[in-house]
Amino acid sequence: MIKKRVAKLFNVKSGVTIILTGVFAYLSVTGKIAGDQFLVIFTTIIAFYFKT
Protein backbone atom coordinates (compact mmCIF):
# COMPACT_ATOMS: atom_id res chain seq x y z
CA MET A 1 0.00 0.00 0.00
CA ILE A 2 2.73 2.47 0.95
CA LYS A 3 4.86 1.39 -2.02
CA LYS A 4 2.02 2.27 -4.39
CA ARG A 5 1.63 5.73 -2.86
CA VAL A 6 5.35 6.44 -3.05
CA ALA A 7 5.54 5.21 -6.65
CA LYS A 8 2.53 7.33 -7.61
CA LEU A 9 4.01 10.41 -5.93
CA PHE A 10 7.37 9.87 -7.62
CA ASN A 11 5.71 9.62 -11.04
CA VAL A 12 3.80 12.86 -10.47
CA LYS A 13 6.94 14.67 -9.34
CA SER A 14 8.94 13.40 -12.28
CA GLY A 15 6.25 14.29 -14.79
CA VAL A 16 5.72 17.78 -13.47
CA THR A 17 9.44 18.44 -13.26
CA ILE A 18 10.09 17.23 -16.81
CA ILE A 19 7.20 19.23 -18.26
CA LEU A 20 8.10 22.44 -16.46
CA THR A 21 11.75 22.05 -17.37
CA GLY A 22 10.80 21.67 -21.02
CA VAL A 23 8.49 24.69 -20.96
CA PHE A 24 10.97 26.99 -19.27
CA ALA A 25 13.84 25.74 -21.45
CA TYR A 26 11.73 26.54 -24.53
CA LEU A 27 10.90 30.00 -23.18
CA SER A 28 14.56 30.63 -22.46
CA VAL A 29 15.75 29.48 -25.90
CA THR A 30 13.12 31.55 -27.72
CA GLY A 31 14.06 34.63 -25.72
CA LYS A 32 10.76 35.00 -23.87
CA ILE A 33 12.61 34.84 -20.54
CA ALA A 34 16.25 35.52 -19.70
CA GLY A 35 18.68 32.79 -18.70
CA ASP A 36 18.88 34.19 -15.18
CA GLN A 37 15.12 33.97 -14.80
CA PHE A 38 15.17 30.40 -16.09
CA LEU A 39 17.76 29.41 -13.52
CA VAL A 40 15.76 30.92 -10.64
CA ILE A 41 12.49 29.32 -11.76
CA PHE A 42 14.07 25.93 -12.44
CA THR A 43 15.85 25.88 -9.08
CA THR A 44 12.62 26.80 -7.29
CA ILE A 45 10.68 24.03 -9.04
CA ILE A 46 13.30 21.39 -8.29
CA ALA A 47 13.63 22.45 -4.67
CA PHE A 48 9.86 22.49 -4.11
CA TYR A 49 9.12 19.11 -5.62
CA PHE A 50 12.02 17.21 -4.15
CA LYS A 51 12.01 18.71 -0.66
CA THR A 52 8.32 18.04 0.01
C-alpha atoms as a PDB file:
ATOM      1  CA  MET A   1       0.000   0.000   0.000  1.00  0.00           C
ATOM      2  CA  ILE A   2       2.733   2.469   0.954  1.00  0.00           C
ATOM      3  CA  LYS A   3       4.860   1.387  -2.024  1.00  0.00           C
ATOM      4  CA  LYS A   4       2.023   2.272  -4.389  1.00  0.00           C
ATOM      5  CA  ARG A   5       1.626   5.734  -2.864  1.00  0.00           C
ATOM      6  CA  VAL A   6       5.355   6.437  -3.048  1.00  0.00           C
ATOM      7  CA  ALA A   7       5.537   5.212  -6.650  1.00  0.00           C
ATOM      8  CA  LYS A   8       2.528   7.333  -7.607  1.00  0.00           C
ATOM      9  CA  LEU A   9       4.013  10.414  -5.932  1.00  0.00           C
ATOM     10  CA  PHE A  10       7.367   9.870  -7.624  1.00  0.00           C
ATOM     11  CA  ASN A  11       5.707   9.617 -11.036  1.00  0.00           C
ATOM     12  CA  VAL A  12       3.805  12.860 -10.474  1.00  0.00           C
ATOM     13  CA  LYS A  13       6.941  14.675  -9.340  1.00  0.00           C
ATOM     14  CA  SER A  14       8.937  13.402 -12.278  1.00  0.00           C
ATOM     15  CA  GLY A  15       6.248  14.285 -14.788  1.00  0.00           C
ATOM     16  CA  VAL A  16       5.721  17.784 -13.471  1.00  0.00           C
ATOM     17  CA  THR A  17       9.444  18.436 -13.260  1.00  0.00           C
ATOM     18  CA  ILE A  18      10.092  17.231 -16.809  1.00  0.00           C
ATOM     19  CA  ILE A  19       7.195  19.228 -18.263  1.00  0.00           C
ATOM     20  CA  LEU A  20       8.103  22.437 -16.461  1.00  0.00           C
ATOM     21  CA  THR A  21      11.755  22.046 -17.371  1.00  0.00           C
ATOM     22  CA  GLY A  22      10.795  21.674 -21.022  1.00  0.00           C
ATOM     23  CA  VAL A  23       8.487  24.686 -20.957  1.00  0.00           C
ATOM     24  CA  PHE A  24      10.970  26.989 -19.272  1.00  0.00           C
ATOM     25  CA  ALA A  25      13.837  25.739 -21.446  1.00  0.00           C
ATOM     26  CA  TYR A  26      11.733  26.543 -24.534  1.00  0.00           C
ATOM     27  CA  LEU A  27      10.902  29.997 -23.184  1.00  0.00           C
ATOM     28  CA  SER A  28      14.562  30.633 -22.460  1.00  0.00           C
ATOM     29  CA  VAL A  29      15.749  29.475 -25.900  1.00  0.00           C
ATOM     30  CA  THR A  30      13.118  31.550 -27.725  1.00  0.00           C
ATOM     31  CA  GLY A  31      14.062  34.629 -25.716  1.00  0.00           C
ATOM     32  CA  LYS A  32      10.761  34.997 -23.872  1.00  0.00           C
ATOM     33  CA  ILE A  33      12.610  34.838 -20.536  1.00  0.00           C
ATOM     34  CA  ALA A  34      16.250  35.518 -19.703  1.00  0.00           C
ATOM     35  CA  GLY A  35      18.684  32.795 -18.702  1.00  0.00           C
ATOM     36  CA  ASP A  36      18.884  34.193 -15.184  1.00  0.00           C
ATOM     37  CA  GLN A  37      15.122  33.972 -14.801  1.00  0.00           C
ATOM     38  CA  PHE A  38      15.170  30.399 -16.093  1.00  0.00           C
ATOM     39  CA  LEU A  39      17.757  29.405 -13.518  1.00  0.00           C
ATOM     40  CA  VAL A  40      15.758  30.919 -10.639  1.00  0.00           C
ATOM     41  CA  ILE A  41      12.492  29.321 -11.761  1.00  0.00           C
ATOM     42  CA  PHE A  42      14.075  25.933 -12.439  1.00  0.00           C
ATOM     43  CA  THR A  43      15.851  25.879  -9.077  1.00  0.00           C
ATOM     44  CA  THR A  44      12.616  26.799  -7.293  1.00  0.00           C
ATOM     45  CA  ILE A  45      10.683  24.030  -9.037  1.00  0.00           C
ATOM     46  CA  ILE A  46      13.299  21.391  -8.292  1.00  0.00           C
ATOM     47  CA  ALA A  47      13.632  22.450  -4.668  1.00  0.00           C
ATOM     48  CA  PHE A  48       9.862  22.489  -4.110  1.00  0.00           C
ATOM     49  CA  TYR A  49       9.117  19.107  -5.624  1.00  0.00           C
ATOM     50  CA  PHE A  50      12.025  17.209  -4.146  1.00  0.00           C
ATOM     51  CA  LYS A  51      12.005  18.710  -0.658  1.00  0.00           C
ATOM     52  CA  THR A  52       8.319  18.037   0.006  1.00  0.00           C
END
